[in-house]
C-alpha cells in the first residue's frame, strides 16, 4: 500500500468518531419517497445526470446528508426545502428505502478509462492525491458504517459537479476539500467517467 492510499485510509479511520446509522423502515420510506421521484426516480435511479442516483447508496450516508440539508450545513435550495419538513424517522425511512434499491450503472468513456482507473485505484503521487478506493472501496461500494458514499454507477456529470464544489469550498468536507482542490479538470472528468462505469468497465492490457 503506498503512502497516499495509507493517508486516505488513516483519515477514514478518524471518521469513525462521526458514525451515522440509519435504522429505518424501507416500506414506509417508499411511500415517503413519492415526492423524491421527480428528481431521483421512483427507485432512486434518476433519469437526469443533474440529479444523483440514490439507489444502492449507503443508508448512513443518505441520512447524514438529509440531516445536513435540513440543518443548512449543506447548501442546496431544492433540498433545503425538501428536507425542512422531514422528521428524523422520515429521513431514516427514506435512507432505508433508497439503500435497498439496486443502482443502474452506466458506461465509461473508453478514452478516459485508463486514466480514471489509475487515479481511482492508485491516486497521483506527484500531486499528493490518494487513491479513491482507500475510502470508497475497490468496487465503489463506499463504507456504510462510516457513512462514506457508494460511488459505483453514479453519473459522471454529477461526480464532476461535486468535485468542483469540493474544490471551490462551496461544499464542505475536511477530507474531500483538499483532495479535490489538487485535481485538474481533466483528472476530474477521467475519474468521474470511470466511476460511472464502475462494475461494467473492463480494461485491456
N, C-alpha and C. Protein backbone atom coordinates (compact mmCIF):
# COMPACT_ATOMS: atom_id res chain seq x y z
N UNK A 1 0.86 -1.19 0.00
CA UNK A 1 0.00 0.00 0.00
C UNK A 1 0.89 1.24 0.00
N UNK A 2 0.74 2.16 -0.98
CA UNK A 2 1.60 3.33 -0.99
C UNK A 2 1.14 4.35 0.04
N UNK A 3 1.97 5.37 0.28
CA UNK A 3 1.69 6.28 1.40
C UNK A 3 0.45 7.12 1.16
N UNK A 4 0.06 7.34 -0.11
CA UNK A 4 -1.11 8.16 -0.38
C UNK A 4 -2.39 7.39 -0.08
N UNK A 5 -2.40 6.11 -0.41
CA UNK A 5 -3.53 5.26 -0.07
C UNK A 5 -3.63 5.14 1.45
N UNK A 6 -2.47 5.01 2.11
CA UNK A 6 -2.45 4.90 3.56
C UNK A 6 -2.96 6.17 4.21
N UNK A 7 -2.63 7.32 3.62
CA UNK A 7 -3.07 8.58 4.18
C UNK A 7 -4.59 8.67 4.18
N UNK A 8 -5.21 8.29 3.06
CA UNK A 8 -6.66 8.34 2.97
C UNK A 8 -7.29 7.35 3.94
N UNK A 9 -6.68 6.18 4.06
CA UNK A 9 -7.22 5.17 4.97
C UNK A 9 -7.16 5.67 6.41
N UNK A 10 -6.06 6.36 6.74
CA UNK A 10 -5.93 6.89 8.10
C UNK A 10 -6.98 7.95 8.38
N UNK A 11 -7.22 8.82 7.41
CA UNK A 11 -8.25 9.83 7.58
C UNK A 11 -9.60 9.17 7.76
N UNK A 12 -9.83 8.09 7.01
CA UNK A 12 -11.09 7.38 7.11
C UNK A 12 -11.29 6.80 8.50
N UNK A 13 -10.22 6.37 9.14
CA UNK A 13 -10.33 5.80 10.48
C UNK A 13 -10.84 6.85 11.46
N UNK A 14 -10.37 8.10 11.30
CA UNK A 14 -10.82 9.16 12.19
C UNK A 14 -12.30 9.44 12.01
N UNK A 15 -12.83 9.13 10.83
CA UNK A 15 -14.25 9.38 10.58
C UNK A 15 -15.14 8.47 11.42
N UNK A 16 -14.55 7.45 12.02
CA UNK A 16 -15.33 6.55 12.86
C UNK A 16 -16.00 7.29 14.01
N UNK A 17 -15.39 8.42 14.41
CA UNK A 17 -15.96 9.16 15.53
C UNK A 17 -17.34 9.69 15.17
N UNK A 18 -17.55 9.94 13.89
CA UNK A 18 -18.81 10.52 13.47
C UNK A 18 -19.73 9.53 12.77
N UNK A 19 -19.70 8.30 13.17
CA UNK A 19 -20.56 7.30 12.55
C UNK A 19 -22.02 7.70 12.56
N UNK A 20 -22.72 7.45 11.46
CA UNK A 20 -24.14 7.73 11.38
C UNK A 20 -24.83 6.45 10.93
N UNK A 21 -25.81 6.02 11.69
CA UNK A 21 -26.52 4.79 11.35
C UNK A 21 -27.98 5.11 11.03
N UNK A 22 -28.50 4.46 10.01
CA UNK A 22 -29.92 4.62 9.67
C UNK A 22 -30.62 3.30 9.93
N UNK A 23 -31.62 3.34 10.77
CA UNK A 23 -32.36 2.12 11.11
C UNK A 23 -33.82 2.37 10.80
N UNK A 24 -34.13 2.51 9.52
CA UNK A 24 -35.47 2.88 9.11
C UNK A 24 -36.26 1.73 8.54
N UNK A 25 -37.47 2.05 8.11
CA UNK A 25 -38.38 1.09 7.52
C UNK A 25 -38.49 1.38 6.03
N UNK A 26 -38.04 0.44 5.20
CA UNK A 26 -38.00 0.66 3.76
C UNK A 26 -39.39 0.86 3.17
N UNK A 27 -40.36 0.13 3.66
CA UNK A 27 -41.73 0.26 3.13
C UNK A 27 -42.28 1.65 3.40
N UNK A 28 -42.06 2.14 4.61
CA UNK A 28 -42.50 3.50 4.95
C UNK A 28 -41.73 4.51 4.11
N UNK A 29 -40.47 4.21 3.87
CA UNK A 29 -39.64 5.10 3.06
C UNK A 29 -40.11 5.16 1.63
N UNK A 30 -40.57 4.04 1.09
CA UNK A 30 -41.06 4.01 -0.29
C UNK A 30 -42.25 4.96 -0.45
N UNK A 31 -43.16 4.94 0.51
CA UNK A 31 -44.32 5.82 0.44
C UNK A 31 -43.89 7.28 0.53
N UNK A 32 -42.94 7.56 1.39
CA UNK A 32 -42.46 8.93 1.57
C UNK A 32 -41.66 9.41 0.37
N UNK A 33 -41.07 8.46 -0.37
CA UNK A 33 -40.18 8.80 -1.49
C UNK A 33 -40.92 9.22 -2.75
N UNK A 34 -42.25 9.16 -2.74
CA UNK A 34 -43.01 9.54 -3.93
C UNK A 34 -42.67 10.94 -4.39
N UNK A 35 -42.48 11.84 -3.44
CA UNK A 35 -42.17 13.22 -3.78
C UNK A 35 -40.73 13.37 -4.30
N UNK A 36 -39.87 12.40 -4.00
CA UNK A 36 -38.47 12.44 -4.43
C UNK A 36 -38.31 11.97 -5.88
N UNK A 37 -39.34 11.26 -6.37
CA UNK A 37 -39.23 10.58 -7.67
C UNK A 37 -39.01 11.53 -8.83
N UNK A 38 -39.54 12.74 -8.74
CA UNK A 38 -39.42 13.68 -9.85
C UNK A 38 -37.97 13.94 -10.22
N UNK A 39 -37.10 13.99 -9.23
CA UNK A 39 -35.68 14.25 -9.49
C UNK A 39 -34.83 12.98 -9.43
N UNK A 40 -35.12 12.12 -8.46
CA UNK A 40 -34.24 10.97 -8.22
C UNK A 40 -34.77 9.65 -8.76
N UNK A 41 -35.96 9.65 -9.36
CA UNK A 41 -36.53 8.43 -9.89
C UNK A 41 -37.26 7.64 -8.81
N UNK A 42 -38.26 6.89 -9.22
CA UNK A 42 -39.07 6.14 -8.26
C UNK A 42 -38.25 5.14 -7.46
N UNK A 43 -37.22 4.57 -8.10
CA UNK A 43 -36.38 3.57 -7.41
C UNK A 43 -35.01 4.13 -7.06
N UNK A 44 -34.86 5.45 -7.17
CA UNK A 44 -33.58 6.07 -6.84
C UNK A 44 -32.61 6.15 -7.98
N UNK A 45 -33.01 5.68 -9.17
CA UNK A 45 -32.17 5.82 -10.36
C UNK A 45 -32.68 7.00 -11.17
N UNK A 46 -32.10 8.17 -10.91
CA UNK A 46 -32.57 9.38 -11.59
C UNK A 46 -32.35 9.28 -13.09
N UNK A 47 -33.18 9.97 -13.84
CA UNK A 47 -33.10 9.93 -15.29
C UNK A 47 -32.23 11.03 -15.85
N UNK A 48 -31.84 11.98 -15.01
CA UNK A 48 -31.02 13.11 -15.45
C UNK A 48 -29.71 13.14 -14.69
N UNK A 49 -28.58 13.32 -15.38
CA UNK A 49 -27.29 13.39 -14.70
C UNK A 49 -27.15 14.61 -13.81
N UNK A 50 -28.13 15.50 -13.85
CA UNK A 50 -28.13 16.67 -12.98
C UNK A 50 -28.41 16.26 -11.53
N UNK A 51 -29.14 15.14 -11.39
CA UNK A 51 -29.54 14.68 -10.07
C UNK A 51 -28.86 13.35 -9.74
N UNK A 52 -28.36 13.18 -8.52
CA UNK A 52 -27.64 11.95 -8.19
C UNK A 52 -28.54 10.73 -8.10
N UNK A 53 -27.97 9.59 -8.44
CA UNK A 53 -28.65 8.32 -8.19
C UNK A 53 -28.54 8.01 -6.70
N UNK A 54 -29.66 7.65 -6.10
CA UNK A 54 -29.68 7.29 -4.68
C UNK A 54 -29.82 5.79 -4.47
N UNK A 55 -30.20 5.08 -5.52
CA UNK A 55 -30.37 3.62 -5.42
C UNK A 55 -29.07 2.95 -4.98
N UNK A 56 -29.16 2.11 -3.97
CA UNK A 56 -27.99 1.38 -3.50
C UNK A 56 -27.03 2.20 -2.68
N UNK A 57 -27.37 3.47 -2.45
CA UNK A 57 -26.49 4.32 -1.65
C UNK A 57 -26.52 3.87 -0.19
N UNK A 58 -25.40 4.02 0.50
CA UNK A 58 -25.34 3.62 1.90
C UNK A 58 -26.34 4.42 2.73
N UNK A 59 -27.14 3.73 3.52
CA UNK A 59 -28.21 4.39 4.26
C UNK A 59 -27.67 5.44 5.24
N UNK A 60 -26.53 5.15 5.86
CA UNK A 60 -25.94 6.11 6.79
C UNK A 60 -25.56 7.40 6.11
N UNK A 61 -25.07 7.28 4.88
CA UNK A 61 -24.69 8.48 4.13
C UNK A 61 -25.93 9.29 3.74
N UNK A 62 -26.98 8.61 3.28
CA UNK A 62 -28.21 9.32 2.92
C UNK A 62 -28.77 10.06 4.13
N UNK A 63 -28.81 9.39 5.26
CA UNK A 63 -29.31 10.01 6.48
C UNK A 63 -28.48 11.23 6.85
N UNK A 64 -27.17 11.08 6.81
CA UNK A 64 -26.28 12.18 7.18
C UNK A 64 -26.50 13.39 6.27
N UNK A 65 -26.62 13.15 4.96
CA UNK A 65 -26.78 14.27 4.04
C UNK A 65 -28.16 14.93 4.18
N UNK A 66 -29.20 14.14 4.44
CA UNK A 66 -30.52 14.73 4.69
C UNK A 66 -30.48 15.61 5.94
N UNK A 67 -29.79 15.14 6.96
CA UNK A 67 -29.64 15.94 8.18
C UNK A 67 -28.89 17.24 7.88
N UNK A 68 -27.90 17.15 7.02
CA UNK A 68 -27.12 18.34 6.68
C UNK A 68 -27.92 19.33 5.85
N UNK A 69 -28.73 18.82 4.93
CA UNK A 69 -29.60 19.71 4.16
C UNK A 69 -30.59 20.41 5.09
N UNK A 70 -31.16 19.67 6.01
CA UNK A 70 -32.16 20.23 6.91
C UNK A 70 -31.54 21.29 7.82
N UNK A 71 -30.34 21.05 8.30
CA UNK A 71 -29.70 21.99 9.21
C UNK A 71 -29.11 23.20 8.50
N UNK A 72 -28.95 23.09 7.18
CA UNK A 72 -28.34 24.17 6.42
C UNK A 72 -26.84 24.04 6.28
N UNK A 73 -26.28 22.98 6.88
CA UNK A 73 -24.83 22.76 6.76
C UNK A 73 -24.43 22.54 5.31
N UNK A 74 -25.26 21.77 4.59
CA UNK A 74 -25.03 21.59 3.15
C UNK A 74 -26.05 22.44 2.41
N UNK A 75 -25.56 23.27 1.51
CA UNK A 75 -26.40 24.26 0.84
C UNK A 75 -26.95 23.73 -0.49
N UNK A 76 -28.26 23.73 -0.61
CA UNK A 76 -28.92 23.42 -1.86
C UNK A 76 -30.36 23.88 -1.72
N UNK A 77 -30.78 24.80 -2.57
CA UNK A 77 -32.10 25.40 -2.42
C UNK A 77 -33.21 24.36 -2.50
N UNK A 78 -33.11 23.47 -3.48
CA UNK A 78 -34.16 22.45 -3.64
C UNK A 78 -34.20 21.52 -2.45
N UNK A 79 -33.04 21.00 -2.07
CA UNK A 79 -33.01 20.01 -1.00
C UNK A 79 -33.28 20.62 0.38
N UNK A 80 -32.97 21.88 0.55
CA UNK A 80 -33.29 22.53 1.82
C UNK A 80 -34.79 22.53 2.04
N UNK A 81 -35.52 22.84 0.98
CA UNK A 81 -36.98 22.85 1.07
C UNK A 81 -37.55 21.46 1.26
N UNK A 82 -36.95 20.47 0.57
CA UNK A 82 -37.44 19.10 0.67
C UNK A 82 -37.19 18.52 2.07
N UNK A 83 -36.03 18.84 2.64
CA UNK A 83 -35.66 18.26 3.93
C UNK A 83 -36.29 18.98 5.11
N UNK A 84 -36.72 20.20 4.90
CA UNK A 84 -37.23 21.02 6.01
C UNK A 84 -38.35 20.34 6.78
N UNK A 85 -39.25 19.67 6.07
CA UNK A 85 -40.40 19.06 6.73
C UNK A 85 -40.20 17.62 7.14
N UNK A 86 -39.00 17.09 6.97
CA UNK A 86 -38.76 15.68 7.30
C UNK A 86 -38.40 15.51 8.78
N UNK A 87 -39.03 14.54 9.40
CA UNK A 87 -38.67 14.19 10.77
C UNK A 87 -37.49 13.23 10.72
N UNK A 88 -36.89 12.96 11.86
CA UNK A 88 -35.78 12.00 11.90
C UNK A 88 -36.23 10.62 11.42
N UNK A 89 -37.40 10.11 11.85
CA UNK A 89 -37.86 8.82 11.32
C UNK A 89 -38.09 8.87 9.81
N UNK A 90 -38.61 9.99 9.30
CA UNK A 90 -38.80 10.13 7.85
C UNK A 90 -37.47 9.94 7.13
N UNK A 91 -36.44 10.60 7.62
CA UNK A 91 -35.13 10.53 6.99
C UNK A 91 -34.56 9.11 7.06
N UNK A 92 -34.75 8.46 8.19
CA UNK A 92 -34.26 7.09 8.34
C UNK A 92 -35.00 6.15 7.39
N UNK A 93 -36.29 6.36 7.25
CA UNK A 93 -37.09 5.51 6.36
C UNK A 93 -36.70 5.72 4.90
N UNK A 94 -36.49 6.96 4.51
CA UNK A 94 -36.05 7.25 3.14
C UNK A 94 -34.70 6.62 2.87
N UNK A 95 -33.80 6.73 3.84
CA UNK A 95 -32.47 6.13 3.69
C UNK A 95 -32.57 4.62 3.52
N UNK A 96 -33.46 4.01 4.29
CA UNK A 96 -33.64 2.55 4.21
C UNK A 96 -34.20 2.16 2.84
N UNK A 97 -35.14 2.92 2.32
CA UNK A 97 -35.74 2.60 1.02
C UNK A 97 -34.74 2.71 -0.11
N UNK A 98 -34.08 3.85 -0.22
CA UNK A 98 -33.17 4.04 -1.34
C UNK A 98 -31.97 3.09 -1.27
N UNK A 99 -31.49 2.82 -0.07
CA UNK A 99 -30.34 1.91 0.05
C UNK A 99 -30.71 0.48 -0.33
N UNK A 100 -31.99 0.14 -0.26
CA UNK A 100 -32.43 -1.22 -0.59
C UNK A 100 -32.61 -1.44 -2.10
N UNK A 101 -32.52 -0.36 -2.88
CA UNK A 101 -32.69 -0.46 -4.32
C UNK A 101 -31.35 -0.73 -5.02
N UNK A 102 -31.42 -1.17 -6.25
CA UNK A 102 -30.20 -1.50 -6.99
C UNK A 102 -29.85 -0.39 -7.98
N UNK A 103 -28.63 0.10 -7.89
CA UNK A 103 -28.20 1.17 -8.80
C UNK A 103 -27.98 0.62 -10.20
N UNK A 104 -28.37 1.40 -11.19
CA UNK A 104 -28.13 1.03 -12.59
C UNK A 104 -26.86 1.74 -13.05
N UNK A 105 -25.82 0.95 -13.29
CA UNK A 105 -24.56 1.54 -13.69
C UNK A 105 -24.59 1.95 -15.16
N UNK A 106 -23.70 2.86 -15.51
CA UNK A 106 -23.60 3.31 -16.89
C UNK A 106 -22.34 2.79 -17.55
N UNK A 107 -21.85 3.53 -18.51
CA UNK A 107 -20.63 3.14 -19.22
C UNK A 107 -19.60 4.25 -19.10
N UNK A 108 -18.35 3.86 -19.07
CA UNK A 108 -17.26 4.83 -19.04
C UNK A 108 -16.88 5.23 -20.46
N UNK A 109 -16.37 6.43 -20.61
CA UNK A 109 -15.82 6.87 -21.88
C UNK A 109 -14.53 6.08 -22.11
N UNK A 110 -14.45 5.28 -23.18
CA UNK A 110 -13.26 4.45 -23.41
C UNK A 110 -11.96 5.25 -23.43
N UNK A 111 -12.03 6.51 -23.85
CA UNK A 111 -10.82 7.32 -23.93
C UNK A 111 -10.34 7.81 -22.56
N UNK A 112 -11.20 7.66 -21.53
CA UNK A 112 -10.85 8.14 -20.19
C UNK A 112 -10.67 7.02 -19.17
N UNK A 113 -10.98 5.80 -19.58
CA UNK A 113 -10.99 4.67 -18.64
C UNK A 113 -9.64 4.46 -17.96
N UNK A 114 -8.57 4.39 -18.74
CA UNK A 114 -7.27 4.07 -18.14
C UNK A 114 -6.82 5.14 -17.17
N UNK A 115 -6.97 6.40 -17.55
CA UNK A 115 -6.57 7.49 -16.67
C UNK A 115 -7.45 7.51 -15.44
N UNK A 116 -8.75 7.28 -15.63
CA UNK A 116 -9.67 7.28 -14.50
C UNK A 116 -9.40 6.16 -13.53
N UNK A 117 -9.13 4.97 -14.05
CA UNK A 117 -8.85 3.84 -13.17
C UNK A 117 -7.54 4.05 -12.42
N UNK A 118 -6.54 4.57 -13.11
CA UNK A 118 -5.24 4.80 -12.47
C UNK A 118 -5.39 5.74 -11.28
N UNK A 119 -6.20 6.77 -11.43
CA UNK A 119 -6.41 7.73 -10.35
C UNK A 119 -7.26 7.12 -9.24
N UNK A 120 -8.32 6.42 -9.61
CA UNK A 120 -9.21 5.82 -8.62
C UNK A 120 -8.47 4.79 -7.78
N UNK A 121 -7.65 3.98 -8.43
CA UNK A 121 -7.00 2.86 -7.74
C UNK A 121 -5.61 3.17 -7.21
N UNK A 122 -4.95 4.17 -7.78
CA UNK A 122 -3.58 4.44 -7.35
C UNK A 122 -3.30 5.86 -6.93
N UNK A 123 -4.24 6.76 -7.15
CA UNK A 123 -4.01 8.16 -6.82
C UNK A 123 -2.98 8.79 -7.74
N UNK A 124 -2.48 9.94 -7.33
CA UNK A 124 -1.46 10.65 -8.10
C UNK A 124 -0.39 11.13 -7.13
N UNK A 125 0.69 10.38 -7.05
CA UNK A 125 1.74 10.66 -6.09
C UNK A 125 2.32 12.05 -6.27
N UNK A 126 2.50 12.48 -7.51
CA UNK A 126 3.12 13.78 -7.77
C UNK A 126 2.30 14.93 -7.21
N UNK A 127 0.97 14.75 -7.16
CA UNK A 127 0.09 15.81 -6.67
C UNK A 127 -0.44 15.53 -5.26
N UNK A 128 0.10 14.50 -4.63
CA UNK A 128 -0.33 14.11 -3.28
C UNK A 128 -1.84 13.83 -3.22
N UNK A 129 -2.33 13.13 -4.25
CA UNK A 129 -3.74 12.75 -4.31
C UNK A 129 -3.84 11.26 -3.98
N UNK A 130 -4.54 10.90 -2.89
CA UNK A 130 -4.65 9.48 -2.53
C UNK A 130 -5.62 8.75 -3.45
N UNK A 131 -5.51 7.45 -3.46
CA UNK A 131 -6.42 6.62 -4.25
C UNK A 131 -7.84 6.72 -3.69
N UNK A 132 -8.80 6.85 -4.58
CA UNK A 132 -10.21 6.94 -4.17
C UNK A 132 -10.67 5.67 -3.45
N UNK A 133 -10.13 4.54 -3.87
CA UNK A 133 -10.58 3.26 -3.31
C UNK A 133 -10.24 3.12 -1.83
N UNK A 134 -9.31 3.94 -1.33
CA UNK A 134 -8.95 3.84 0.08
C UNK A 134 -10.16 4.07 0.98
N UNK A 135 -11.04 4.95 0.55
CA UNK A 135 -12.25 5.22 1.34
C UNK A 135 -13.51 4.66 0.68
N UNK A 136 -13.57 4.74 -0.65
CA UNK A 136 -14.80 4.36 -1.36
C UNK A 136 -14.82 2.90 -1.81
N UNK A 137 -13.70 2.19 -1.56
CA UNK A 137 -13.66 0.76 -1.85
C UNK A 137 -13.29 0.45 -3.28
N UNK A 138 -12.69 -0.72 -3.52
CA UNK A 138 -12.28 -1.11 -4.86
C UNK A 138 -13.44 -1.25 -5.84
N UNK A 139 -14.63 -1.55 -5.31
CA UNK A 139 -15.79 -1.70 -6.18
C UNK A 139 -16.73 -0.50 -6.10
N UNK A 140 -16.29 0.55 -5.41
CA UNK A 140 -17.08 1.77 -5.33
C UNK A 140 -18.27 1.68 -4.40
N UNK A 141 -18.25 0.70 -3.47
CA UNK A 141 -19.39 0.50 -2.58
C UNK A 141 -19.37 1.40 -1.36
N UNK A 142 -18.29 2.15 -1.16
CA UNK A 142 -18.20 3.04 -0.02
C UNK A 142 -18.07 2.26 1.28
N UNK A 143 -18.45 2.92 2.37
CA UNK A 143 -18.38 2.29 3.69
C UNK A 143 -19.60 2.73 4.48
N UNK A 144 -20.56 1.82 4.61
CA UNK A 144 -21.82 2.14 5.27
C UNK A 144 -21.69 2.62 6.70
N UNK A 145 -21.03 1.86 7.59
CA UNK A 145 -20.91 2.27 8.99
C UNK A 145 -20.23 3.62 9.17
N UNK A 146 -19.33 3.99 8.24
CA UNK A 146 -18.64 5.27 8.33
C UNK A 146 -19.32 6.36 7.50
N UNK A 147 -20.48 6.01 6.92
CA UNK A 147 -21.25 6.98 6.12
C UNK A 147 -20.43 7.56 4.97
N UNK A 148 -19.57 6.71 4.38
CA UNK A 148 -18.81 7.10 3.19
C UNK A 148 -19.61 6.63 1.98
N UNK A 149 -19.91 7.54 1.05
CA UNK A 149 -20.85 7.18 -0.02
C UNK A 149 -20.34 6.14 -1.00
N UNK A 150 -21.28 5.35 -1.49
CA UNK A 150 -21.02 4.47 -2.63
C UNK A 150 -20.92 5.37 -3.87
N UNK A 151 -20.01 5.05 -4.77
CA UNK A 151 -19.84 5.85 -5.98
C UNK A 151 -20.17 5.09 -7.25
N UNK A 152 -20.11 3.77 -7.21
CA UNK A 152 -20.26 2.97 -8.43
C UNK A 152 -21.55 3.28 -9.16
N UNK A 153 -21.41 3.60 -10.45
CA UNK A 153 -22.57 3.83 -11.29
C UNK A 153 -23.11 5.24 -11.26
N UNK A 154 -22.55 6.09 -10.40
CA UNK A 154 -23.05 7.46 -10.32
C UNK A 154 -22.75 8.22 -11.61
N UNK A 155 -23.65 9.12 -11.98
CA UNK A 155 -23.45 9.91 -13.20
C UNK A 155 -22.13 10.67 -13.17
N UNK A 156 -21.39 10.61 -14.26
CA UNK A 156 -20.12 11.32 -14.34
C UNK A 156 -20.31 12.82 -14.18
N UNK A 157 -21.35 13.37 -14.81
CA UNK A 157 -21.58 14.81 -14.72
C UNK A 157 -21.82 15.23 -13.27
N UNK A 158 -22.55 14.41 -12.54
CA UNK A 158 -22.82 14.75 -11.14
C UNK A 158 -21.55 14.66 -10.32
N UNK A 159 -20.75 13.63 -10.55
CA UNK A 159 -19.49 13.48 -9.81
C UNK A 159 -18.58 14.67 -10.06
N UNK A 160 -18.49 15.09 -11.32
CA UNK A 160 -17.66 16.26 -11.64
C UNK A 160 -18.17 17.49 -10.91
N UNK A 161 -19.48 17.69 -10.92
CA UNK A 161 -20.04 18.88 -10.26
C UNK A 161 -19.73 18.89 -8.76
N UNK A 162 -19.74 17.71 -8.14
CA UNK A 162 -19.45 17.65 -6.71
C UNK A 162 -17.95 17.83 -6.43
N UNK A 163 -17.11 17.29 -7.29
CA UNK A 163 -15.67 17.51 -7.14
C UNK A 163 -15.34 18.99 -7.29
N UNK A 164 -16.01 19.66 -8.23
CA UNK A 164 -15.81 21.10 -8.39
C UNK A 164 -16.28 21.86 -7.16
N UNK A 165 -17.39 21.42 -6.59
CA UNK A 165 -17.91 22.07 -5.38
C UNK A 165 -16.95 21.88 -4.20
N UNK A 166 -16.40 20.68 -4.07
CA UNK A 166 -15.42 20.44 -3.02
C UNK A 166 -14.17 21.29 -3.25
N UNK A 167 -13.73 21.36 -4.50
CA UNK A 167 -12.52 22.11 -4.83
C UNK A 167 -12.67 23.60 -4.53
N UNK A 168 -13.85 24.13 -4.79
CA UNK A 168 -14.09 25.56 -4.58
C UNK A 168 -14.46 25.88 -3.14
N UNK A 169 -14.83 24.85 -2.38
CA UNK A 169 -15.24 25.06 -1.00
C UNK A 169 -16.71 25.34 -0.82
N UNK A 170 -17.48 25.31 -1.92
CA UNK A 170 -18.92 25.54 -1.79
C UNK A 170 -19.62 24.31 -1.19
N UNK A 171 -18.96 23.17 -1.22
CA UNK A 171 -19.41 22.00 -0.46
C UNK A 171 -18.28 21.65 0.50
N UNK A 172 -18.62 21.44 1.76
CA UNK A 172 -17.61 21.29 2.80
C UNK A 172 -17.39 19.84 3.21
N UNK A 173 -16.12 19.43 3.19
CA UNK A 173 -15.72 18.13 3.68
C UNK A 173 -14.23 18.20 4.03
N UNK A 174 -13.86 17.99 5.29
CA UNK A 174 -12.46 18.05 5.67
C UNK A 174 -11.58 17.11 4.85
N UNK A 175 -12.16 15.99 4.41
CA UNK A 175 -11.38 15.03 3.62
C UNK A 175 -11.35 15.41 2.15
N UNK A 176 -12.52 15.73 1.59
CA UNK A 176 -12.61 15.92 0.15
C UNK A 176 -12.15 17.29 -0.34
N UNK A 177 -12.25 18.32 0.47
CA UNK A 177 -11.84 19.66 0.03
C UNK A 177 -10.38 19.71 -0.43
N UNK A 178 -9.43 19.24 0.39
CA UNK A 178 -8.03 19.30 -0.06
C UNK A 178 -7.72 18.37 -1.23
N UNK A 179 -8.39 17.21 -1.26
CA UNK A 179 -8.14 16.28 -2.36
C UNK A 179 -8.65 16.86 -3.68
N UNK A 180 -9.89 17.33 -3.68
CA UNK A 180 -10.48 17.86 -4.92
C UNK A 180 -9.75 19.09 -5.41
N UNK A 181 -9.22 19.89 -4.49
CA UNK A 181 -8.52 21.11 -4.89
C UNK A 181 -7.24 20.82 -5.66
N UNK A 182 -6.73 19.60 -5.52
CA UNK A 182 -5.50 19.22 -6.23
C UNK A 182 -5.77 18.56 -7.58
N UNK A 183 -7.03 18.23 -7.85
CA UNK A 183 -7.38 17.57 -9.10
C UNK A 183 -7.47 18.59 -10.24
N UNK A 184 -6.94 18.22 -11.39
CA UNK A 184 -7.11 19.06 -12.58
C UNK A 184 -8.49 18.78 -13.17
N UNK A 185 -9.01 19.67 -14.01
CA UNK A 185 -10.30 19.40 -14.67
C UNK A 185 -10.28 18.08 -15.43
N UNK A 186 -9.15 17.77 -16.07
CA UNK A 186 -9.04 16.52 -16.81
C UNK A 186 -9.10 15.31 -15.90
N UNK A 187 -8.45 15.39 -14.74
CA UNK A 187 -8.49 14.29 -13.79
C UNK A 187 -9.91 14.09 -13.25
N UNK A 188 -10.60 15.19 -13.01
CA UNK A 188 -11.99 15.09 -12.53
C UNK A 188 -12.85 14.35 -13.55
N UNK A 189 -12.72 14.73 -14.80
CA UNK A 189 -13.52 14.09 -15.85
C UNK A 189 -13.18 12.61 -15.97
N UNK A 190 -11.89 12.29 -15.90
CA UNK A 190 -11.46 10.91 -16.08
C UNK A 190 -11.96 10.01 -14.95
N UNK A 191 -11.76 10.44 -13.70
CA UNK A 191 -12.17 9.59 -12.59
C UNK A 191 -13.69 9.51 -12.49
N UNK A 192 -14.38 10.59 -12.85
CA UNK A 192 -15.85 10.57 -12.84
C UNK A 192 -16.39 9.62 -13.89
N UNK A 193 -15.77 9.60 -15.05
CA UNK A 193 -16.20 8.69 -16.10
C UNK A 193 -15.96 7.24 -15.69
N UNK A 194 -14.82 7.00 -15.05
CA UNK A 194 -14.53 5.64 -14.58
C UNK A 194 -15.56 5.19 -13.55
N UNK A 195 -15.91 6.10 -12.65
CA UNK A 195 -16.91 5.80 -11.61
C UNK A 195 -18.26 5.47 -12.23
N UNK A 196 -18.65 6.20 -13.26
CA UNK A 196 -19.94 5.96 -13.92
C UNK A 196 -20.05 4.53 -14.44
N UNK A 197 -18.94 4.00 -14.90
CA UNK A 197 -18.96 2.63 -15.45
C UNK A 197 -18.41 1.58 -14.51
N UNK A 198 -18.14 1.96 -13.27
CA UNK A 198 -17.58 1.00 -12.31
C UNK A 198 -18.53 -0.19 -12.16
N UNK A 199 -17.97 -1.38 -12.18
CA UNK A 199 -18.65 -2.67 -12.20
C UNK A 199 -18.84 -3.17 -13.64
N UNK A 200 -18.80 -2.27 -14.63
CA UNK A 200 -19.01 -2.71 -16.00
C UNK A 200 -17.78 -2.49 -16.86
N UNK A 201 -16.83 -1.71 -16.35
CA UNK A 201 -15.64 -1.38 -17.14
C UNK A 201 -14.63 -2.53 -17.15
N UNK A 202 -14.13 -2.86 -18.32
CA UNK A 202 -13.09 -3.86 -18.45
C UNK A 202 -11.91 -3.22 -19.18
N UNK A 203 -10.76 -3.21 -18.51
CA UNK A 203 -9.58 -2.62 -19.12
C UNK A 203 -8.84 -3.66 -19.97
N UNK A 204 -8.32 -3.19 -21.06
CA UNK A 204 -7.48 -4.05 -21.91
C UNK A 204 -6.04 -3.92 -21.45
N UNK A 205 -5.26 -4.98 -21.51
CA UNK A 205 -3.85 -4.91 -21.07
C UNK A 205 -3.05 -4.03 -22.01
